[in-house]
Amino acid sequence: MNVISEKEINNLFQVMKDDYSRWQSCSSTSYDEIRKQMYTEYCDSLEVRYGNKYIKIVGDNSVKGFIVNTHQDKKFQFGDLLMAAGWNKPARNFARGNIFDDNLNVRWTGIS
């Protein structure tokens, strides 16, 4: 596959949203309206920023992780998920999965 499509990005976002919803369900039910508002704000904050080598996943004004967006990387495969080491830099120690995997292991807090 040569392109990371909107379908893969949306799938990643959905896994993150589902995890956020599960995390929220641990709190008291007396805050349903606040929880709905927080969920909506979280979902609306998720975005992608395309660079030459990576796709940056951003949400809530923090970097959630990176996706390798090149076939020219000597260490990683196209589509590998990398944890953020900083705002503009992924952690290049090891991949945390691949965007094309059927079972993404990603949390609402990001790729870790």
PDB file of N, CA and C in Angstrom:
ATOM      1  N   MET A   1       0.838  -1.173   0.000  1.00  0.00           N
ATOM      2  CA  MET A   1       0.000   0.000   0.000  1.00  0.00           C
ATOM      3  C   MET A   1       0.886   1.240   0.000  1.00  0.00           C
ATOM      4  N   ASN A   2       0.532   2.227  -0.790  1.00  0.00           N
ATOM      5  CA  ASN A   2       1.384   3.393  -0.968  1.00  0.00           C
ATOM      6  C   ASN A   2       0.870   4.660  -0.305  1.00  0.00           C
ATOM      7  N   VAL A   3      -0.340   4.641   0.198  1.00  0.00           N
ATOM      8  CA  VAL A   3      -0.937   5.844   0.757  1.00  0.00           C
ATOM      9  C   VAL A   3      -1.632   5.506   2.066  1.00  0.00           C
ATOM     10  N   ILE A   4      -1.469   6.374   3.042  1.00  0.00           N
ATOM     11  CA  ILE A   4      -2.248   6.263   4.266  1.00  0.00           C
ATOM     12  C   ILE A   4      -3.514   7.066   4.015  1.00  0.00           C
ATOM     13  N   SER A   5      -4.618   6.363   3.905  1.00  0.00           N
ATOM     14  CA  SER A   5      -5.865   7.005   3.504  1.00  0.00           C
ATOM     15  C   SER A   5      -6.611   7.590   4.704  1.00  0.00           C
ATOM     16  N   GLU A   6      -7.614   8.351   4.390  1.00  0.00           N
ATOM     17  CA  GLU A   6      -8.482   8.921   5.418  1.00  0.00           C
ATOM     18  C   GLU A   6      -9.153   7.802   6.222  1.00  0.00           C
ATOM     19  N   LYS A   7      -9.389   6.670   5.588  1.00  0.00           N
ATOM     20  CA  LYS A   7     -10.002   5.523   6.273  1.00  0.00           C
ATOM     21  C   LYS A   7      -9.121   5.038   7.431  1.00  0.00           C
ATOM     22  N   GLU A   8      -7.835   4.901   7.201  1.00  0.00           N
ATOM     23  CA  GLU A   8      -6.922   4.462   8.262  1.00  0.00           C
ATOM     24  C   GLU A   8      -6.827   5.494   9.375  1.00  0.00           C
ATOM     25  N   ILE A   9      -6.757   6.770   9.005  1.00  0.00           N
ATOM     26  CA  ILE A   9      -6.700   7.833  10.011  1.00  0.00           C
ATOM     27  C   ILE A   9      -7.982   7.836  10.839  1.00  0.00           C
ATOM     28  N   ASN A  10      -9.124   7.731  10.175  1.00  0.00           N
ATOM     29  CA  ASN A  10     -10.404   7.703  10.897  1.00  0.00           C
ATOM     30  C   ASN A  10     -10.503   6.492  11.812  1.00  0.00           C
ATOM     31  N   ASN A  11      -9.970   5.358  11.380  1.00  0.00           N
ATOM     32  CA  ASN A  11      -9.959   4.159  12.221  1.00  0.00           C
ATOM     33  C   ASN A  11      -9.113   4.395  13.479  1.00  0.00           C
ATOM     34  N   LEU A  12      -7.944   5.008  13.305  1.00  0.00           N
ATOM     35  CA  LEU A  12      -7.088   5.347  14.446  1.00  0.00           C
ATOM     36  C   LEU A  12      -7.819   6.284  15.404  1.00  0.00           C
ATOM     37  N   PHE A  13      -8.450   7.318  14.855  1.00  0.00           N
ATOM     38  CA  PHE A  13      -9.205   8.259  15.689  1.00  0.00           C
ATOM     39  C   PHE A  13     -10.341   7.544  16.427  1.00  0.00           C
ATOM     40  N   GLN A  14     -11.013   6.621  15.767  1.00  0.00           N
ATOM     41  CA  GLN A  14     -12.126   5.920  16.408  1.00  0.00           C
ATOM     42  C   GLN A  14     -11.644   5.067  17.575  1.00  0.00           C
ATOM     43  N   VAL A  15     -10.501   4.419  17.421  1.00  0.00           N
ATOM     44  CA  VAL A  15      -9.927   3.638  18.527  1.00  0.00           C
ATOM     45  C   VAL A  15      -9.615   4.561  19.702  1.00  0.00           C
ATOM     46  N   MET A  16      -9.065   5.734  19.417  1.00  0.00           N
ATOM     47  CA  MET A  16      -8.754   6.698  20.469  1.00  0.00           C
ATOM     48  C   MET A  16     -10.028   7.212  21.140  1.00  0.00           C
ATOM     49  N   LYS A  17     -11.052   7.499  20.351  1.00  0.00           N
ATOM     50  CA  LYS A  17     -12.325   7.982  20.891  1.00  0.00           C
ATOM     51  C   LYS A  17     -12.995   6.919  21.757  1.00  0.00           C
ATOM     52  N   ASP A  18     -12.972   5.673  21.293  1.00  0.00           N
ATOM     53  CA  ASP A  18     -13.566   4.581  22.071  1.00  0.00           C
ATOM     54  C   ASP A  18     -12.854   4.408  23.403  1.00  0.00           C
ATOM     55  N   ASP A  19     -11.525   4.533  23.395  1.00  0.00           N
ATOM     56  CA  ASP A  19     -10.766   4.415  24.633  1.00  0.00           C
ATOM     57  C   ASP A  19     -11.094   5.576  25.572  1.00  0.00           C
ATOM     58  N   TYR A  20     -11.253   6.766  25.034  1.00  0.00           N
ATOM     59  CA  TYR A  20     -11.624   7.923  25.854  1.00  0.00           C
ATOM     60  C   TYR A  20     -12.991   7.691  26.495  1.00  0.00           C
ATOM     61  N   SER A  21     -13.916   7.153  25.740  1.00  0.00           N
ATOM     62  CA  SER A  21     -15.256   6.877  26.256  1.00  0.00           C
ATOM     63  C   SER A  21     -15.208   5.841  27.382  1.00  0.00           C
ATOM     64  N   ARG A  22     -14.397   4.802  27.206  1.00  0.00           N
ATOM     65  CA  ARG A  22     -14.242   3.792  28.270  1.00  0.00           C
ATOM     66  C   ARG A  22     -13.632   4.416  29.517  1.00  0.00           C
ATOM     67  N   TRP A  23     -12.647   5.273  29.335  1.00  0.00           N
ATOM     68  CA  TRP A  23     -12.015   5.942  30.465  1.00  0.00           C
ATOM     69  C   TRP A  23     -13.026   6.818  31.211  1.00  0.00           C
ATOM     70  N   GLN A  24     -13.872   7.513  30.453  1.00  0.00           N
ATOM     71  CA  GLN A  24     -14.884   8.371  31.060  1.00  0.00           C
ATOM     72  C   GLN A  24     -15.923   7.579  31.846  1.00  0.00           C
ATOM     73  N   SER A  25     -16.220   6.378  31.422  1.00  0.00           N
ATOM     74  CA  SER A  25     -17.279   5.595  32.058  1.00  0.00           C
ATOM     75  C   SER A  25     -16.927   5.194  33.486  1.00  0.00           C
ATOM     76  N   CYS A  26     -15.708   5.401  33.895  1.00  0.00           N
ATOM     77  CA  CYS A  26     -15.293   5.080  35.264  1.00  0.00           C
ATOM     78  C   CYS A  26     -15.778   6.121  36.265  1.00  0.00           C
ATOM     79  N   SER A  27     -16.230   7.270  35.780  1.00  0.00           N
ATOM     80  CA  SER A  27     -16.643   8.335  36.702  1.00  0.00           C
ATOM     81  C   SER A  27     -18.130   8.222  37.037  1.00  0.00           C
ATOM     82  N   SER A  28     -18.566   9.023  37.967  1.00  0.00           N
ATOM     83  CA  SER A  28     -19.950   9.031  38.440  1.00  0.00           C
ATOM     84  C   SER A  28     -20.912   9.428  37.324  1.00  0.00           C
ATOM     85  N   THR A  29     -22.102   8.866  37.361  1.00  0.00           N
ATOM     86  CA  THR A  29     -23.113   9.178  36.346  1.00  0.00           C
ATOM     87  C   THR A  29     -23.750  10.543  36.560  1.00  0.00           C
ATOM     88  N   SER A  30     -23.485  11.195  37.678  1.00  0.00           N
ATOM     89  CA  SER A  30     -24.088  12.502  37.941  1.00  0.00           C
ATOM     90  C   SER A  30     -23.499  13.606  37.066  1.00  0.00           C
ATOM     91  N   TYR A  31     -22.486  13.276  36.291  1.00  0.00           N
ATOM     92  CA  TYR A  31     -21.831  14.279  35.449  1.00  0.00           C
ATOM     93  C   TYR A  31     -22.021  13.998  33.966  1.00  0.00           C
ATOM     94  N   ASP A  32     -23.169  13.454  33.583  1.00  0.00           N
ATOM     95  CA  ASP A  32     -23.397  13.055  32.192  1.00  0.00           C
ATOM     96  C   ASP A  32     -23.216  14.204  31.197  1.00  0.00           C
ATOM     97  N   GLU A  33     -23.765  15.371  31.497  1.00  0.00           N
ATOM     98  CA  GLU A  33     -23.656  16.500  30.562  1.00  0.00           C
ATOM     99  C   GLU A  33     -22.212  16.966  30.415  1.00  0.00           C
ATOM    100  N   ILE A  34     -21.490  16.996  31.506  1.00  0.00           N
ATOM    101  CA  ILE A  34     -20.084  17.395  31.459  1.00  0.00           C
ATOM    102  C   ILE A  34     -19.282  16.366  30.670  1.00  0.00           C
ATOM    103  N   ARG A  35     -19.567  15.075  30.905  1.00  0.00           N
ATOM    104  CA  ARG A  35     -18.872  14.019  30.163  1.00  0.00           C
ATOM    105  C   ARG A  35     -19.122  14.129  28.669  1.00  0.00           C
ATOM    106  N   LYS A  36     -20.356  14.385  28.276  1.00  0.00           N
ATOM    107  CA  LYS A  36     -20.693  14.527  26.851  1.00  0.00           C
ATOM    108  C   LYS A  36     -19.937  15.702  26.247  1.00  0.00           C
ATOM    109  N   GLN A  37     -19.894  16.809  26.984  1.00  0.00           N
ATOM    110  CA  GLN A  37     -19.174  17.991  26.497  1.00  0.00           C
ATOM    111  C   GLN A  37     -17.681  17.694  26.355  1.00  0.00           C
ATOM    112  N   MET A  38     -17.102  17.033  27.364  1.00  0.00           N
ATOM    113  CA  MET A  38     -15.677  16.689  27.310  1.00  0.00           C
ATOM    114  C   MET A  38     -15.388  15.740  26.150  1.00  0.00           C
ATOM    115  N   TYR A  39     -16.263  14.764  25.923  1.00  0.00           N
ATOM    116  CA  TYR A  39     -16.081  13.818  24.824  1.00  0.00           C
ATOM    117  C   TYR A  39     -16.110  14.550  23.482  1.00  0.00           C
ATOM    118  N   THR A  40     -17.078  15.443  23.331  1.00  0.00           N
ATOM    119  CA  THR A  40     -17.189  16.207  22.087  1.00  0.00           C
ATOM    120  C   THR A  40     -15.949  17.069  21.867  1.00  0.00           C
ATOM    121  N   GLU A  41     -15.490  17.731  22.914  1.00  0.00           N
ATOM    122  CA  GLU A  41     -14.294  18.567  22.798  1.00  0.00           C
ATOM    123  C   GLU A  41     -13.065  17.739  22.451  1.00  0.00           C
ATOM    124  N   TYR A  42     -12.944  16.555  23.065  1.00  0.00           N
ATOM    125  CA  TYR A  42     -11.814  15.682  22.748  1.00  0.00           C
ATOM    126  C   TYR A  42     -11.857  15.268  21.274  1.00  0.00           C
ATOM    127  N   CYS A  43     -13.013  14.801  20.828  1.00  0.00           N
ATOM    128  CA  CYS A  43     -13.145  14.349  19.438  1.00  0.00           C
ATOM    129  C   CYS A  43     -12.865  15.466  18.444  1.00  0.00           C
ATOM    130  N   ASP A  44     -13.378  16.649  18.751  1.00  0.00           N
ATOM    131  CA  ASP A  44     -13.176  17.792  17.853  1.00  0.00           C
ATOM    132  C   ASP A  44     -11.725  18.258  17.818  1.00  0.00           C
ATOM    133  N   SER A  45     -10.962  17.961  18.864  1.00  0.00           N
ATOM    134  CA  SER A  45      -9.569  18.421  18.917  1.00  0.00           C
ATOM    135  C   SER A  45      -8.621  17.547  18.102  1.00  0.00           C
ATOM    136  N   LEU A  46      -9.015  16.336  17.753  1.00  0.00           N
ATOM    137  CA  LEU A  46      -8.120  15.432  17.021  1.00  0.00           C
ATOM    138  C   LEU A  46      -7.902  15.928  15.597  1.00  0.00           C
ATOM    139  N   GLU A  47      -6.643  15.970  15.192  1.00  0.00           N
ATOM    140  CA  GLU A  47      -6.306  16.400  13.842  1.00  0.00           C
ATOM    141  C   GLU A  47      -4.999  15.776  13.391  1.00  0.00           C
ATOM    142  N   VAL A  48      -4.768  15.842  12.097  1.00  0.00           N
ATOM    143  CA  VAL A  48      -3.514  15.345  11.537  1.00  0.00           C
ATOM    144  C   VAL A  48      -2.779  16.507  10.884  1.00  0.00           C
ATOM    145  N   ARG A  49      -1.461  16.415  10.942  1.00  0.00           N
ATOM    146  CA  ARG A  49      -0.599  17.395  10.267  1.00  0.00           C
ATOM    147  C   ARG A  49       0.422  16.614   9.462  1.00  0.00           C
ATOM    148  N   TYR A  50       0.430  16.838   8.161  1.00  0.00           N
ATOM    149  CA  TYR A  50       1.281  16.079   7.261  1.00  0.00           C
ATOM    150  C   TYR A  50       2.635  16.742   7.102  1.00  0.00           C
ATOM    151  N   GLY A  51       3.681  15.946   7.272  1.00  0.00           N
ATOM    152  CA  GLY A  51       5.038  16.398   7.037  1.00  0.00           C
ATOM    153  C   GLY A  51       5.661  15.550   5.943  1.00  0.00           C
ATOM    154  N   ASN A  52       6.941  15.770   5.672  1.00  0.00           N
ATOM    155  CA  ASN A  52       7.629  15.009   4.631  1.00  0.00           C
ATOM    156  C   ASN A  52       7.803  13.540   4.998  1.00  0.00           C
ATOM    157  N   LYS A  53       8.131  13.269   6.254  1.00  0.00           N
ATOM    158  CA  LYS A  53       8.405  11.894   6.680  1.00  0.00           C
ATOM    159  C   LYS A  53       7.348  11.318   7.602  1.00  0.00           C
ATOM    160  N   TYR A  54       6.622  12.174   8.298  1.00  0.00           N
ATOM    161  CA  TYR A  54       5.680  11.707   9.307  1.00  0.00           C
ATOM    162  C   TYR A  54       4.337  12.412   9.199  1.00  0.00           C
ATOM    163  N   ILE A  55       3.336  11.724   9.681  1.00  0.00           N
ATOM    164  CA  ILE A  55       2.035  12.336   9.924  1.00  0.00           C
ATOM    165  C   ILE A  55       1.947  12.513  11.425  1.00  0.00           C
ATOM    166  N   LYS A  56       1.730  13.747  11.868  1.00  0.00           N
ATOM    167  CA  LYS A  56       1.643  14.040  13.294  1.00  0.00           C
ATOM    168  C   LYS A  56       0.179  13.986  13.710  1.00  0.00           C
ATOM    169  N   ILE A  57      -0.099  13.255  14.787  1.00  0.00           N
ATOM    170  CA  ILE A  57      -1.439  13.180  15.355  1.00  0.00           C
ATOM    171  C   ILE A  57      -1.480  14.138  16.549  1.00  0.00           C
ATOM    172  N   VAL A  58      -2.397  15.102  16.501  1.00  0.00           N
ATOM    173  CA  VAL A  58      -2.498  16.128  17.532  1.00  0.00           C
ATOM    174  C   VAL A  58      -3.905  16.109  18.120  1.00  0.00           C
ATOM    175  N   GLY A  59      -3.982  16.369  19.412  1.00  0.00           N
ATOM    176  CA  GLY A  59      -5.266  16.503  20.090  1.00  0.00           C
ATOM    177  C   GLY A  59      -5.080  17.195  21.415  1.00  0.00           C
ATOM    178  N   ASP A  60      -6.024  18.026  21.785  1.00  0.00           N
ATOM    179  CA  ASP A  60      -5.949  18.770  23.049  1.00  0.00           C
ATOM    180  C   ASP A  60      -4.632  19.520  23.191  1.00  0.00           C
ATOM    181  N   ASN A  61      -4.157  20.105  22.102  1.00  0.00           N
ATOM    182  CA  ASN A  61      -2.908  20.885  22.094  1.00  0.00           C
ATOM    183  C   ASN A  61      -1.684  20.088  22.527  1.00  0.00           C
ATOM    184  N   SER A  62      -1.701  18.787  22.275  1.00  0.00           N
ATOM    185  CA  SER A  62      -0.518  17.964  22.527  1.00  0.00           C
ATOM    186  C   SER A  62      -0.371  16.945  21.405  1.00  0.00           C
ATOM    187  N   VAL A  63       0.851  16.494  21.213  1.00  0.00           N
ATOM    188  CA  VAL A  63       1.117  15.500  20.177  1.00  0.00           C
ATOM    189  C   VAL A  63       0.787  14.121  20.735  1.00  0.00           C
ATOM    190  N   LYS A  64      -0.063  13.395  20.023  1.00  0.00           N
ATOM    191  CA  LYS A  64      -0.465  12.053  20.440  1.00  0.00           C
ATOM    192  C   LYS A  64       0.447  10.980  19.851  1.00  0.00           C
ATOM    193  N   GLY A  65       1.161  11.311  18.795  1.00  0.00           N
ATOM    194  CA  GLY A  65       2.081  10.367  18.171  1.00  0.00           C
ATOM    195  C   GLY A  65       2.330  10.709  16.717  1.00  0.00           C
ATOM    196  N   PHE A  66       3.081   9.830  16.069  1.00  0.00           N
ATOM    197  CA  PHE A  66       3.451  10.022  14.673  1.00  0.00           C
ATOM    198  C   PHE A  66       3.224   8.743  13.891  1.00  0.00           C
ATOM    199  N   ILE A  67       2.978   8.889  12.610  1.00  0.00           N
ATOM    200  CA  ILE A  67       2.866   7.762  11.684  1.00  0.00           C
ATOM    201  C   ILE A  67       3.934   7.944  10.624  1.00  0.00           C
ATOM    202  N   VAL A  68       4.722   6.906  10.381  1.00  0.00           N
ATOM    203  CA  VAL A  68       5.756   6.973   9.345  1.00  0.00           C
ATOM    204  C   VAL A  68       5.057   7.074   7.987  1.00  0.00           C
ATOM    205  N   ASN A  69       5.374   8.124   7.233  1.00  0.00           N
ATOM    206  CA  ASN A  69       4.701   8.395   5.964  1.00  0.00           C
ATOM    207  C   ASN A  69       5.691   8.389   4.800  1.00  0.00           C
ATOM    208  N   THR A  70       6.662   7.490   4.865  1.00  0.00           N
ATOM    209  CA  THR A  70       7.644   7.361   3.795  1.00  0.00           C
ATOM    210  C   THR A  70       8.074   5.909   3.681  1.00  0.00           C
ATOM    211  N   HIS A  71       8.457   5.528   2.491  1.00  0.00           N
ATOM    212  CA  HIS A  71       9.013   4.191   2.264  1.00  0.00           C
ATOM    213  C   HIS A  71      10.540   4.215   2.364  1.00  0.00           C
ATOM    214  N   GLN A  72      11.109   5.386   2.603  1.00  0.00           N
ATOM    215  CA  GLN A  72      12.562   5.561   2.597  1.00  0.00           C
ATOM    216  C   GLN A  72      13.195   5.509   3.979  1.00  0.00           C
ATOM    217  N   ASP A  73      12.452   5.175   5.004  1.00  0.00           N
ATOM    218  CA  ASP A  73      13.006   5.106   6.363  1.00  0.00           C
ATOM    219  C   ASP A  73      13.784   3.799   6.518  1.00  0.00           C
ATOM    220  N   LYS A  74      15.013   3.885   6.991  1.00  0.00           N
ATOM    221  CA  LYS A  74      15.871   2.698   7.101  1.00  0.00           C
ATOM    222  C   LYS A  74      15.497   1.810   8.281  1.00  0.00           C
ATOM    223  N   LYS A  75      14.804   2.357   9.278  1.00  0.00           N
ATOM    224  CA  LYS A  75      14.490   1.593  10.483  1.00  0.00           C
ATOM    225  C   LYS A  75      13.031   1.141  10.557  1.00  0.00           C
ATOM    226  N   PHE A  76      12.120   1.941  10.006  1.00  0.00           N
ATOM    227  CA  PHE A  76      10.699   1.666  10.176  1.00  0.00           C
ATOM    228  C   PHE A  76      10.000   1.440   8.849  1.00  0.00           C
ATOM    229  N   GLN A  77       8.878   0.731   8.935  1.00  0.00           N
ATOM    230  CA  GLN A  77       8.053   0.465   7.764  1.00  0.00           C
ATOM    231  C   GLN A  77       7.047   1.592   7.580  1.00  0.00           C
ATOM    232  N   PHE A  78       6.581   1.731   6.374  1.00  0.00           N
ATOM    233  CA  PHE A  78       5.526   2.680   6.046  1.00  0.00           C
ATOM    234  C   PHE A  78       4.303   2.371   6.906  1.00  0.00           C
ATOM    235  N   GLY A  79       3.786   3.374   7.610  1.00  0.00           N
ATOM    236  CA  GLY A  79       2.600   3.194   8.437  1.00  0.00           C
ATOM    237  C   GLY A  79       2.877   2.859   9.887  1.00  0.00           C
ATOM    238  N   ASP A  80       4.147   2.698  10.266  1.00  0.00           N
ATOM    239  CA  ASP A  80       4.465   2.391  11.665  1.00  0.00           C
ATOM    240  C   ASP A  80       4.043   3.544  12.571  1.00  0.00           C
ATOM    241  N   LEU A  81       3.553   3.190  13.751  1.00  0.00           N
ATOM    242  CA  LEU A  81       3.121   4.165  14.753  1.00  0.00           C
ATOM    243  C   LEU A  81       4.254   4.402  15.729  1.00  0.00           C
ATOM    244  N   LEU A  82       4.596   5.665  15.932  1.00  0.00           N
ATOM    245  CA  LEU A  82       5.690   6.037  16.826  1.00  0.00           C
ATOM    246  C   LEU A  82       5.186   6.968  17.920  1.00  0.00           C
ATOM    247  N   MET A  83       5.657   6.744  19.125  1.00  0.00           N
ATOM    248  CA  MET A  83       5.338   7.608  20.248  1.00  0.00           C
ATOM    249  C   MET A  83       6.020   8.958  20.042  1.00  0.00           C
ATOM    250  N   ALA A  84       5.438  10.006  20.597  1.00  0.00           N
ATOM    251  CA  ALA A  84       6.041  11.332  20.500  1.00  0.00           C
ATOM    252  C   ALA A  84       7.168  11.474  21.514  1.00  0.00           C
ATOM    253  N   ALA A  85       8.291  12.016  21.058  1.00  0.00           N
ATOM    254  CA  ALA A  85       9.398  12.354  21.958  1.00  0.00           C
ATOM    255  C   ALA A  85       9.386  13.856  22.235  1.00  0.00           C
ATOM    256  N   GLY A  86       8.624  14.587  21.465  1.00  0.00           N
ATOM    257  CA  GLY A  86       8.493  16.028  21.596  1.00  0.00           C
ATOM    258  C   GLY A  86       7.497  16.523  20.576  1.00  0.00           C
ATOM    259  N   TRP A  87       7.321  17.822  20.514  1.00  0.00           N
ATOM    260  CA  TRP A  87       6.321  18.381  19.599  1.00  0.00           C
ATOM    261  C   TRP A  87       6.635  18.054  18.135  1.00  0.00           C
ATOM    262  N   ASN A  88       7.881  18.091  17.753  1.00  0.00           N
ATOM    263  CA  ASN A  88       8.250  17.854  16.354  1.00  0.00           C
ATOM    264  C   ASN A  88       9.093  16.611  16.150  1.00  0.00           C
ATOM    265  N   LYS A  89       9.124  15.721  17.125  1.00  0.00           N
ATOM    266  CA  LYS A  89      10.051  14.598  17.023  1.00  0.00           C
ATOM    267  C   LYS A  89       9.428  13.314  17.579  1.00  0.00           C
ATOM    268  N   PRO A  90       9.441  12.245  16.769  1.00  0.00           N
ATOM    269  CA  PRO A  90       8.962  10.961  17.287  1.00  0.00           C
ATOM    270  C   PRO A  90      10.067  10.229  18.050  1.00  0.00           C
ATOM    271  N   ALA A  91       9.663   9.338  18.922  1.00  0.00           N
ATOM    272  CA  ALA A  91      10.610   8.432  19.577  1.00  0.00           C
ATOM    273  C   ALA A  91      10.944   7.343  18.566  1.00  0.00           C
ATOM    274  N   ARG A  92      12.184   7.220  18.211  1.00  0.00           N
ATOM    275  CA  ARG A  92      12.583   6.276  17.162  1.00  0.00           C
ATOM    276  C   ARG A  92      13.224   5.009  17.729  1.00  0.00           C
ATOM    277  N   ASN A  93      12.833   4.632  18.953  1.00  0.00           N
ATOM    278  CA  ASN A  93      13.399   3.412  19.523  1.00  0.00           C
ATOM    279  C   ASN A  93      12.726   2.162  18.966  1.00  0.00           C
ATOM    280  N   PHE A  94      11.393   2.135  18.913  1.00  0.00           N
ATOM    281  CA  PHE A  94      10.690   1.010  18.293  1.00  0.00           C
ATOM    282  C   PHE A  94       9.278   1.425  17.925  1.00  0.00           C
ATOM    283  N   ALA A  95       8.703   0.731  16.951  1.00  0.00           N
ATOM    284  CA  ALA A  95       7.333   1.011  16.509  1.00  0.00           C
ATOM    285  C   ALA A  95       6.347   0.459  17.523  1.00  0.00           C
ATOM    286  N   ARG A  96       5.241   1.168  17.704  1.00  0.00           N
ATOM    287  CA  ARG A  96       4.191   0.744  18.634  1.00  0.00           C
ATOM    288  C   ARG A  96       3.055   0.045  17.907  1.00  0.00           C
ATOM    289  N   GLY A  97       3.246  -0.284  16.669  1.00  0.00           N
ATOM    290  CA  GLY A  97       2.229  -0.924  15.838  1.00  0.00           C
ATOM    291  C   GLY A  97       2.299  -0.341  14.448  1.00  0.00           C
ATOM    292  N   ASN A  98       1.304  -0.655  13.651  1.00  0.00           N
ATOM    293  CA  ASN A  98       1.237  -0.149  12.289  1.00  0.00           C
ATOM    294  C   ASN A  98      -0.198   0.260  11.999  1.00  0.00           C
ATOM    295  N   ILE A  99      -0.374   1.360  11.301  1.00  0.00           N
ATOM    296  CA  ILE A  99      -1.697   1.902  11.001  1.00  0.00           C
ATOM    297  C   ILE A  99      -2.544   0.908  10.203  1.00  0.00           C
ATOM    298  N   PHE A 100      -1.905  -0.027   9.495  1.00  0.00           N
ATOM    299  CA  PHE A 100      -2.629  -0.986   8.674  1.00  0.00           C
ATOM    300  C   PHE A 100      -3.006  -2.256   9.434  1.00  0.00           C
ATOM    301  N   ASP A 101      -2.600  -2.366  10.712  1.00  0.00           N
ATOM    302  CA  ASP A 101      -2.971  -3.517  11.531  1.00  0.00           C
ATOM    303  C   ASP A 101      -4.469  -3.484  11.818  1.00  0.00           C
ATOM    304  N   ASP A 102      -5.070  -4.664  11.896  1.00  0.00           N
ATOM    305  CA  ASP A 102      -6.498  -4.742  12.204  1.00  0.00           C
ATOM    306  C   ASP A 102      -6.788  -4.367  13.649  1.00  0.00           C
ATOM    307  N   ASN A 103      -5.867  -4.681  14.562  1.00  0.00           N
ATOM    308  CA  ASN A 103      -6.086  -4.435  15.975  1.00  0.00           C
ATOM    309  C   ASN A 103      -5.081  -3.391  16.474  1.00  0.00           C
ATOM    310  N   LEU A 104      -5.482  -2.130  16.437  1.00  0.00           N
ATOM    311  CA  LEU A 104      -4.601  -1.053  16.887  1.00  0.00           C
ATOM    312  C   LEU A 104      -4.612  -0.979  18.407  1.00  0.00           C
ATOM    313  N   ASN A 105      -3.440  -0.923  18.994  1.00  0.00           N
ATOM    314  CA  ASN A 105      -3.309  -0.806  20.437  1.00  0.00           C
ATOM    315  C   ASN A 105      -2.891   0.633  20.761  1.00  0.00           C
ATOM    316  N   VAL A 106      -3.896   1.527  20.743  1.00  0.00           N
ATOM    317  CA  VAL A 106      -3.658   2.952  20.951  1.00  0.00           C
ATOM    318  C   VAL A 106      -4.605   3.428  22.039  1.00  0.00           C
ATOM    319  N   ARG A 107      -4.128   4.303  22.890  1.00  0.00           N
ATOM    320  CA  ARG A 107      -4.943   4.868  23.964  1.00  0.00           C
ATOM    321  C   ARG A 107      -5.425   6.254  23.579  1.00  0.00           C
ATOM    322  N   TRP A 108      -6.372   6.781  24.328  1.00  0.00           N
ATOM    323  CA  TRP A 108      -6.870   8.128  24.042  1.00  0.00           C
ATOM    324  C   TRP A 108      -5.786   9.174  24.286  1.00  0.00           C
ATOM    325  N   THR A 109      -4.833   8.828  25.139  1.00  0.00           N
ATOM    326  CA  THR A 109      -3.740   9.746  25.416  1.00  0.00           C
ATOM    327  C   THR A 109      -2.699   9.760  24.315  1.00  0.00           C
ATOM    328  N   GLY A 110      -2.775   8.789  23.414  1.00  0.00           N
ATOM    329  CA  GLY A 110      -1.867   8.762  22.293  1.00  0.00           C
ATOM    330  C   GLY A 110      -1.206   7.417  22.080  1.00  0.00           C
ATOM    331  N   ILE A 111      -0.234   7.419  21.212  1.00  0.00           N
ATOM    332  CA  ILE A 111       0.536   6.233  20.870  1.00  0.00           C
ATOM    333  C   ILE A 111       1.623   6.081  21.923  1.00  0.00           C
ATOM    334  N   SER A 112       1.602   4.966  22.636  1.00  0.00           N
ATOM    335  CA  SER A 112       2.621   4.784  23.681  1.00  0.00           C
ATOM    336  C   SER A 112       3.096   3.343  23.725  1.00  0.00           C
TER     337      SER A 112
END
